[in-house]
PDB file of all heavy atoms in Angstrom:
ATOM      1  N   LEU A   1      14.113  -8.887  31.410  1.00  0.00           N
ATOM      2  CA  LEU A   1      14.431  -7.459  31.785  1.00  0.00           C
ATOM      3  C   LEU A   1      13.196  -6.563  31.604  1.00  0.00           C
ATOM      4  O   LEU A   1      13.189  -5.381  31.950  1.00  0.00           O
ATOM      5  CB  LEU A   1      15.586  -6.921  30.990  1.00  0.00           C
ATOM      6  CG  LEU A   1      16.958  -7.190  31.493  1.00  0.00           C
ATOM      7  CD1 LEU A   1      18.064  -6.660  30.497  1.00  0.00           C
ATOM      8  CD2 LEU A   1      17.173  -6.545  32.836  1.00  0.00           C
ATOM      9  N   GLY A   2      12.180  -7.085  30.941  1.00  0.00           N
ATOM     10  CA  GLY A   2      10.950  -6.244  30.740  1.00  0.00           C
ATOM     11  C   GLY A   2      11.294  -5.091  29.923  1.00  0.00           C
ATOM     12  O   GLY A   2      11.905  -5.057  28.874  1.00  0.00           O
ATOM     13  N   GLY A   3      10.838  -3.946  30.516  1.00  0.00           N
ATOM     14  CA  GLY A   3      11.054  -2.635  29.737  1.00  0.00           C
ATOM     15  C   GLY A   3      12.500  -2.117  29.843  1.00  0.00           C
ATOM     16  O   GLY A   3      12.804  -1.052  29.394  1.00  0.00           O
ATOM     17  N   GLY A   4      13.364  -2.836  30.526  1.00  0.00           N
ATOM     18  CA  GLY A   4      14.724  -2.418  30.664  1.00  0.00           C
ATOM     19  C   GLY A   4      15.095  -1.726  32.015  1.00  0.00           C
ATOM     20  O   GLY A   4      14.192  -1.511  32.793  1.00  0.00           O
ATOM     21  N   GLU A   5      16.377  -1.572  32.280  1.00  0.00           N
ATOM     22  CA  GLU A   5      16.786  -1.122  33.540  1.00  0.00           C
ATOM     23  C   GLU A   5      16.265   0.212  33.898  1.00  0.00           C
ATOM     24  O   GLU A   5      15.954   0.461  35.091  1.00  0.00           O
ATOM     25  CB  GLU A   5      18.396  -1.062  33.539  1.00  0.00           C
ATOM     26  CG  GLU A   5      19.118  -2.316  33.359  1.00  0.00           C
ATOM     27  CD  GLU A   5      18.986  -3.279  34.500  1.00  0.00           C
ATOM     28  OE1 GLU A   5      18.422  -2.890  35.480  1.00  0.00           O
ATOM     29  OE2 GLU A   5      19.410  -4.429  34.371  1.00  0.00           O
ATOM     30  N   GLU A   6      16.087   1.122  32.932  1.00  0.00           N
ATOM     31  CA  GLU A   6      15.547   2.518  33.321  1.00  0.00           C
ATOM     32  C   GLU A   6      14.165   2.439  33.789  1.00  0.00           C
ATOM     33  O   GLU A   6      13.827   3.001  34.829  1.00  0.00           O
ATOM     34  CB  GLU A   6      15.665   3.354  32.081  1.00  0.00           C
ATOM     35  CG  GLU A   6      15.302   4.809  32.332  1.00  0.00           C
ATOM     36  CD  GLU A   6      15.413   5.704  31.100  1.00  0.00           C
ATOM     37  OE1 GLU A   6      16.245   5.365  30.235  1.00  0.00           O
ATOM     38  OE2 GLU A   6      14.747   6.715  31.070  1.00  0.00           O
ATOM     39  N   LYS A   7      13.333   1.598  33.086  1.00  0.00           N
ATOM     40  CA  LYS A   7      11.923   1.440  33.541  1.00  0.00           C
ATOM     41  C   LYS A   7      11.790   0.707  34.893  1.00  0.00           C
ATOM     42  O   LYS A   7      10.930   1.029  35.650  1.00  0.00           O
ATOM     43  CB  LYS A   7      11.152   0.677  32.444  1.00  0.00           C
ATOM     44  CG  LYS A   7      10.980   1.443  31.121  1.00  0.00           C
ATOM     45  CD  LYS A   7       9.932   2.452  31.212  1.00  0.00           C
ATOM     46  CE  LYS A   7       9.687   3.144  29.877  1.00  0.00           C
ATOM     47  NZ  LYS A   7       9.127   2.306  28.782  1.00  0.00           N
ATOM     48  N   ILE A   8      12.693  -0.223  35.050  1.00  0.00           N
ATOM     49  CA  ILE A   8      12.730  -1.017  36.295  1.00  0.00           C
ATOM     50  C   ILE A   8      13.006  -0.042  37.488  1.00  0.00           C
ATOM     51  O   ILE A   8      12.426  -0.058  38.519  1.00  0.00           O
ATOM     52  CB  ILE A   8      13.695  -2.181  36.312  1.00  0.00           C
ATOM     53  CG1 ILE A   8      13.189  -3.238  35.347  1.00  0.00           C
ATOM     54  CG2 ILE A   8      13.952  -2.703  37.680  1.00  0.00           C
ATOM     55  CD1 ILE A   8      14.198  -4.374  35.077  1.00  0.00           C
ATOM     56  N   ALA A   9      14.002   0.880  37.212  1.00  0.00           N
ATOM     57  CA  ALA A   9      14.369   1.840  38.295  1.00  0.00           C
ATOM     58  C   ALA A   9      13.240   2.796  38.593  1.00  0.00           C
ATOM     59  O   ALA A   9      12.995   3.100  39.812  1.00  0.00           O
ATOM     60  CB  ALA A   9      15.596   2.629  37.804  1.00  0.00           C
ATOM     61  N   LYS A  10      12.467   3.150  37.660  1.00  0.00           N
ATOM     62  CA  LYS A  10      11.314   3.998  37.812  1.00  0.00           C
ATOM     63  C   LYS A  10      10.279   3.290  38.704  1.00  0.00           C
ATOM     64  O   LYS A  10       9.572   3.851  39.552  1.00  0.00           O
ATOM     65  CB  LYS A  10      10.698   4.462  36.469  1.00  0.00           C
ATOM     66  CG  LYS A  10      11.451   5.515  35.804  1.00  0.00           C
ATOM     67  CD  LYS A  10      10.678   5.951  34.481  1.00  0.00           C
ATOM     68  CE  LYS A  10      11.462   7.040  33.813  1.00  0.00           C
ATOM     69  NZ  LYS A  10      10.806   7.425  32.516  1.00  0.00           N
ATOM     70  N   GLN A  11      10.077   2.024  38.400  1.00  0.00           N
ATOM     71  CA  GLN A  11       9.158   1.172  39.179  1.00  0.00           C
ATOM     72  C   GLN A  11       9.601   1.089  40.609  1.00  0.00           C
ATOM     73  O   GLN A  11       8.796   1.293  41.538  1.00  0.00           O
ATOM     74  CB  GLN A  11       9.078  -0.234  38.552  1.00  0.00           C
ATOM     75  CG  GLN A  11       8.029  -1.186  39.163  1.00  0.00           C
ATOM     76  CD  GLN A  11       6.617  -0.992  38.631  1.00  0.00           C
ATOM     77  OE1 GLN A  11       6.381   0.085  37.965  1.00  0.00           O
ATOM     78  NE2 GLN A  11       5.698  -1.831  38.967  1.00  0.00           N
ATOM     79  N   HIS A  12      10.865   0.992  40.847  1.00  0.00           N
ATOM     80  CA  HIS A  12      11.388   0.889  42.281  1.00  0.00           C
ATOM     81  C   HIS A  12      11.302   2.234  42.892  1.00  0.00           C
ATOM     82  O   HIS A  12      11.039   2.333  44.163  1.00  0.00           O
ATOM     83  CB  HIS A  12      12.890   0.403  42.207  1.00  0.00           C
ATOM     84  CG  HIS A  12      12.967  -1.079  41.856  1.00  0.00           C
ATOM     85  ND1 HIS A  12      14.269  -1.602  41.513  1.00  0.00           N
ATOM     86  CD2 HIS A  12      12.108  -2.055  41.882  1.00  0.00           C
ATOM     87  CE1 HIS A  12      14.048  -2.922  41.285  1.00  0.00           C
ATOM     88  NE2 HIS A  12      12.794  -3.265  41.501  1.00  0.00           N
ATOM     89  N   ASP A  13      11.463   3.266  42.176  1.00  0.00           N
ATOM     90  CA  ASP A  13      11.334   4.645  42.757  1.00  0.00           C
ATOM     91  C   ASP A  13       9.893   4.927  43.286  1.00  0.00           C
ATOM     92  O   ASP A  13       9.753   5.673  44.247  1.00  0.00           O
ATOM     93  CB  ASP A  13      11.628   5.691  41.713  1.00  0.00           C
ATOM     94  CG  ASP A  13      13.185   5.682  41.380  1.00  0.00           C
ATOM     95  OD1 ASP A  13      14.013   5.219  42.248  1.00  0.00           O
ATOM     96  OD2 ASP A  13      13.557   6.314  40.346  1.00  0.00           O
ATOM     97  N   LYS A  14       8.907   4.235  42.697  1.00  0.00           N
ATOM     98  CA  LYS A  14       7.527   4.333  43.227  1.00  0.00           C
ATOM     99  C   LYS A  14       7.308   3.603  44.472  1.00  0.00           C
ATOM    100  O   LYS A  14       6.206   3.641  45.011  1.00  0.00           O
ATOM    101  CB  LYS A  14       6.572   3.871  42.107  1.00  0.00           C
ATOM    102  CG  LYS A  14       6.538   4.800  40.842  1.00  0.00           C
ATOM    103  CD  LYS A  14       5.380   4.373  39.909  1.00  0.00           C
ATOM    104  CE  LYS A  14       5.492   2.951  39.455  1.00  0.00           C
ATOM    105  NZ  LYS A  14       4.513   2.578  38.404  1.00  0.00           N
ATOM    106  N   GLY A  15       8.316   2.781  44.826  1.00  0.00           N
ATOM    107  CA  GLY A  15       8.148   1.858  45.913  1.00  0.00           C
ATOM    108  C   GLY A  15       7.503   0.517  45.549  1.00  0.00           C
ATOM    109  O   GLY A  15       7.162  -0.206  46.377  1.00  0.00           O
ATOM    110  N   ALA A  16       7.531   0.292  44.225  1.00  0.00           N
ATOM    111  CA  ALA A  16       6.813  -0.947  43.715  1.00  0.00           C
ATOM    112  C   ALA A  16       7.867  -1.887  43.228  1.00  0.00           C
ATOM    113  O   ALA A  16       8.969  -1.537  42.802  1.00  0.00           O
ATOM    114  CB  ALA A  16       5.882  -0.581  42.513  1.00  0.00           C
ATOM    115  N   LEU A  17       7.532  -3.173  43.321  1.00  0.00           N
ATOM    116  CA  LEU A  17       8.319  -4.266  42.771  1.00  0.00           C
ATOM    117  C   LEU A  17       7.996  -4.475  41.278  1.00  0.00           C
ATOM    118  O   LEU A  17       6.897  -4.072  40.791  1.00  0.00           O
ATOM    119  CB  LEU A  17       8.044  -5.526  43.547  1.00  0.00           C
ATOM    120  CG  LEU A  17       8.430  -5.515  44.980  1.00  0.00           C
ATOM    121  CD1 LEU A  17       7.936  -6.833  45.653  1.00  0.00           C
ATOM    122  CD2 LEU A  17       9.911  -5.255  45.255  1.00  0.00           C
ATOM    123  N   THR A  18       8.859  -5.098  40.561  1.00  0.00           N
ATOM    124  CA  THR A  18       8.490  -5.464  39.194  1.00  0.00           C
ATOM    125  C   THR A  18       7.630  -6.782  39.156  1.00  0.00           C
ATOM    126  O   THR A  18       7.487  -7.398  40.229  1.00  0.00           O
ATOM    127  CB  THR A  18       9.754  -5.804  38.330  1.00  0.00           C
ATOM    128  OG1 THR A  18      10.447  -6.963  38.936  1.00  0.00           O
ATOM    129  CG2 THR A  18      10.774  -4.618  38.410  1.00  0.00           C
ATOM    130  N   ALA A  19       7.030  -7.110  38.080  1.00  0.00           N
ATOM    131  CA  ALA A  19       6.195  -8.278  37.921  1.00  0.00           C
ATOM    132  C   ALA A  19       6.929  -9.454  38.366  1.00  0.00           C
ATOM    133  O   ALA A  19       6.314 -10.267  39.059  1.00  0.00           O
ATOM    134  CB  ALA A  19       5.702  -8.414  36.427  1.00  0.00           C
ATOM    135  N   ARG A  20       8.117  -9.701  37.876  1.00  0.00           N
ATOM    136  CA  ARG A  20       8.919 -10.851  38.266  1.00  0.00           C
ATOM    137  C   ARG A  20       9.337 -10.983  39.665  1.00  0.00           C
ATOM    138  O   ARG A  20       9.349 -11.972  40.305  1.00  0.00           O
ATOM    139  CB  ARG A  20      10.073 -11.041  37.320  1.00  0.00           C
ATOM    140  CG  ARG A  20       9.638 -11.328  35.849  1.00  0.00           C
ATOM    141  CD  ARG A  20      10.840 -11.350  34.883  1.00  0.00           C
ATOM    142  NE  ARG A  20      10.273 -11.333  33.512  1.00  0.00           N
ATOM    143  CZ  ARG A  20       9.823 -12.482  32.888  1.00  0.00           C
ATOM    144  NH1 ARG A  20       9.846 -13.628  33.505  1.00  0.00           N
ATOM    145  NH2 ARG A  20       9.359 -12.402  31.616  1.00  0.00           N
ATOM    146  N   GLU A  21       9.654  -9.754  40.268  1.00  0.00           N
ATOM    147  CA  GLU A  21       9.941  -9.756  41.761  1.00  0.00           C
ATOM    148  C   GLU A  21       8.767 -10.149  42.486  1.00  0.00           C
ATOM    149  O   GLU A  21       8.873 -10.773  43.532  1.00  0.00           O
ATOM    150  CB  GLU A  21      10.425  -8.301  42.091  1.00  0.00           C
ATOM    151  CG  GLU A  21      11.787  -8.013  41.495  1.00  0.00           C
ATOM    152  CD  GLU A  21      12.204  -6.533  41.627  1.00  0.00           C
ATOM    153  OE1 GLU A  21      11.296  -5.664  41.814  1.00  0.00           O
ATOM    154  OE2 GLU A  21      13.392  -6.195  41.531  1.00  0.00           O
ATOM    155  N   ARG A  22       7.560  -9.774  42.101  1.00  0.00           N
ATOM    156  CA  ARG A  22       6.317 -10.109  42.794  1.00  0.00           C
ATOM    157  C   ARG A  22       6.136 -11.575  42.744  1.00  0.00           C
ATOM    158  O   ARG A  22       5.750 -12.159  43.717  1.00  0.00           O
ATOM    159  CB  ARG A  22       5.134  -9.359  42.211  1.00  0.00           C
ATOM    160  CG  ARG A  22       5.276  -7.838  42.490  1.00  0.00           C
ATOM    161  CD  ARG A  22       4.269  -7.058  41.568  1.00  0.00           C
ATOM    162  NE  ARG A  22       4.247  -5.644  41.978  1.00  0.00           N
ATOM    163  CZ  ARG A  22       3.730  -4.673  41.184  1.00  0.00           C
ATOM    164  NH1 ARG A  22       3.146  -4.980  39.942  1.00  0.00           N
ATOM    165  NH2 ARG A  22       3.717  -3.497  41.468  1.00  0.00           N
ATOM    166  N   LEU A  23       6.342 -12.185  41.580  1.00  0.00           N
ATOM    167  CA  LEU A  23       6.210 -13.572  41.435  1.00  0.00           C
ATOM    168  C   LEU A  23       7.258 -14.332  42.294  1.00  0.00           C
ATOM    169  O   LEU A  23       6.952 -15.469  42.773  1.00  0.00           O
ATOM    170  CB  LEU A  23       6.273 -13.993  39.982  1.00  0.00           C
ATOM    171  CG  LEU A  23       5.093 -13.499  39.077  1.00  0.00           C
ATOM    172  CD1 LEU A  23       5.378 -13.686  37.609  1.00  0.00           C
ATOM    173  CD2 LEU A  23       3.767 -14.227  39.489  1.00  0.00           C
ATOM    174  N   ASP A  24       8.439 -13.837  42.337  1.00  0.00           N
ATOM    175  CA  ASP A  24       9.458 -14.490  43.154  1.00  0.00           C
ATOM    176  C   ASP A  24       9.005 -14.568  44.709  1.00  0.00           C
ATOM    177  O   ASP A  24       9.205 -15.586  45.303  1.00  0.00           O
ATOM    178  CB  ASP A  24      10.703 -13.601  43.122  1.00  0.00           C
ATOM    179  CG  ASP A  24      11.488 -13.861  41.735  1.00  0.00           C
ATOM    180  OD1 ASP A  24      11.171 -14.856  41.098  1.00  0.00           O
ATOM    181  OD2 ASP A  24      12.333 -12.962  41.534  1.00  0.00           O
ATOM    182  N   LEU A  25       8.281 -13.569  45.074  1.00  0.00           N
ATOM    183  CA  LEU A  25       7.799 -13.602  46.399  1.00  0.00           C
ATOM    184  C   LEU A  25       6.579 -14.603  46.605  1.00  0.00           C
ATOM    185  O   LEU A  25       6.384 -15.221  47.665  1.00  0.00           O
ATOM    186  CB  LEU A  25       7.311 -12.167  46.907  1.00  0.00           C
ATOM    187  CG  LEU A  25       8.383 -11.172  47.181  1.00  0.00           C
ATOM    188  CD1 LEU A  25       7.792  -9.816  47.534  1.00  0.00           C
ATOM    189  CD2 LEU A  25       9.304 -11.627  48.321  1.00  0.00           C
ATOM    190  N   LEU A  26       5.786 -14.602  45.565  1.00  0.00           N
ATOM    191  CA  LEU A  26       4.536 -15.463  45.635  1.00  0.00           C
ATOM    192  C   LEU A  26       4.904 -16.976  45.630  1.00  0.00           C
ATOM    193  O   LEU A  26       4.294 -17.671  46.517  1.00  0.00           O
ATOM    194  CB  LEU A  26       3.585 -15.203  44.409  1.00  0.00           C
ATOM    195  CG  LEU A  26       2.383 -15.997  44.335  1.00  0.00           C
ATOM    196  CD1 LEU A  26       1.369 -15.678  45.492  1.00  0.00           C
ATOM    197  CD2 LEU A  26       1.624 -15.760  43.044  1.00  0.00           C
ATOM    198  N   PHE A  27       5.768 -17.346  44.832  1.00  0.00           N
ATOM    199  CA  PHE A  27       6.013 -18.882  44.666  1.00  0.00           C
ATOM    200  C   PHE A  27       7.021 -19.382  45.629  1.00  0.00           C
ATOM    201  O   PHE A  27       8.035 -18.608  45.934  1.00  0.00           O
ATOM    202  CB  PHE A  27       6.365 -19.150  43.234  1.00  0.00           C
ATOM    203  CG  PHE A  27       5.199 -19.032  42.275  1.00  0.00           C
ATOM    204  CD1 PHE A  27       5.106 -17.878  41.359  1.00  0.00           C
ATOM    205  CD2 PHE A  27       4.196 -19.948  42.371  1.00  0.00           C
ATOM    206  CE1 PHE A  27       4.034 -17.815  40.462  1.00  0.00           C
ATOM    207  CE2 PHE A  27       3.120 -19.849  41.411  1.00  0.00           C
ATOM    208  CZ  PHE A  27       3.026 -18.730  40.524  1.00  0.00           C
ATOM    209  N   ASP A  28       6.961 -20.516  46.069  1.00  0.00           N
ATOM    210  CA  ASP A  28       7.913 -21.128  46.994  1.00  0.00           C
ATOM    211  C   ASP A  28       9.320 -21.058  46.390  1.00  0.00           C
ATOM    212  O   ASP A  28       9.600 -21.551  45.204  1.00  0.00           O
ATOM    213  CB  ASP A  28       7.545 -22.688  47.285  1.00  0.00           C
ATOM    214  CG  ASP A  28       6.201 -22.824  47.879  1.00  0.00           C
ATOM    215  OD1 ASP A  28       5.647 -21.724  48.421  1.00  0.00           O
ATOM    216  OD2 ASP A  28       5.676 -23.939  47.952  1.00  0.00           O
ATOM    217  N   ASP A  29      10.205 -20.511  47.092  1.00  0.00           N
ATOM    218  CA  ASP A  29      11.673 -20.357  46.677  1.00  0.00           C
ATOM    219  C   ASP A  29      11.718 -19.623  45.371  1.00  0.00           C
ATOM    220  O   ASP A  29      12.760 -19.752  44.699  1.00  0.00           O
ATOM    221  CB  ASP A  29      12.266 -21.662  46.559  1.00  0.00           C
ATOM    222  CG  ASP A  29      12.202 -22.499  47.898  1.00  0.00           C
ATOM    223  OD1 ASP A  29      12.478 -21.882  48.896  1.00  0.00           O
ATOM    224  OD2 ASP A  29      11.986 -23.695  47.889  1.00  0.00           O
ATOM    225  N   GLY A  30      10.718 -18.788  44.947  1.00  0.00           N
ATOM    226  CA  GLY A  30      10.828 -18.085  43.750  1.00  0.00           C
ATOM    227  C   GLY A  30      10.836 -18.930  42.522  1.00  0.00           C
ATOM    228  O   GLY A  30      11.250 -18.543  41.377  1.00  0.00           O
ATOM    229  N   ASP A  31      10.397 -20.229  42.621  1.00  0.00           N
ATOM    230  CA  ASP A  31      10.489 -21.165  41.597  1.00  0.00           C
ATOM    231  C   ASP A  31       9.114 -21.305  40.877  1.00  0.00           C
ATOM    232  O   ASP A  31       8.122 -21.665  41.452  1.00  0.00           O
ATOM    233  CB  ASP A  31      10.919 -22.521  42.125  1.00  0.00           C
ATOM    234  CG  ASP A  31      11.020 -23.619  41.092  1.00  0.00           C
ATOM    235  OD1 ASP A  31      11.231 -23.207  39.895  1.00  0.00           O
ATOM    236  OD2 ASP A  31      10.846 -24.806  41.427  1.00  0.00           O
TER     237      ASP A  31
END
């Protein structure tokens, strides 16, 4: 969860993905 739901929401509000969401996109099948 990293910094928690509130911080994740702020990241999304900037139009940015979280660190783990970025890695999910990078690796095959998010694995």
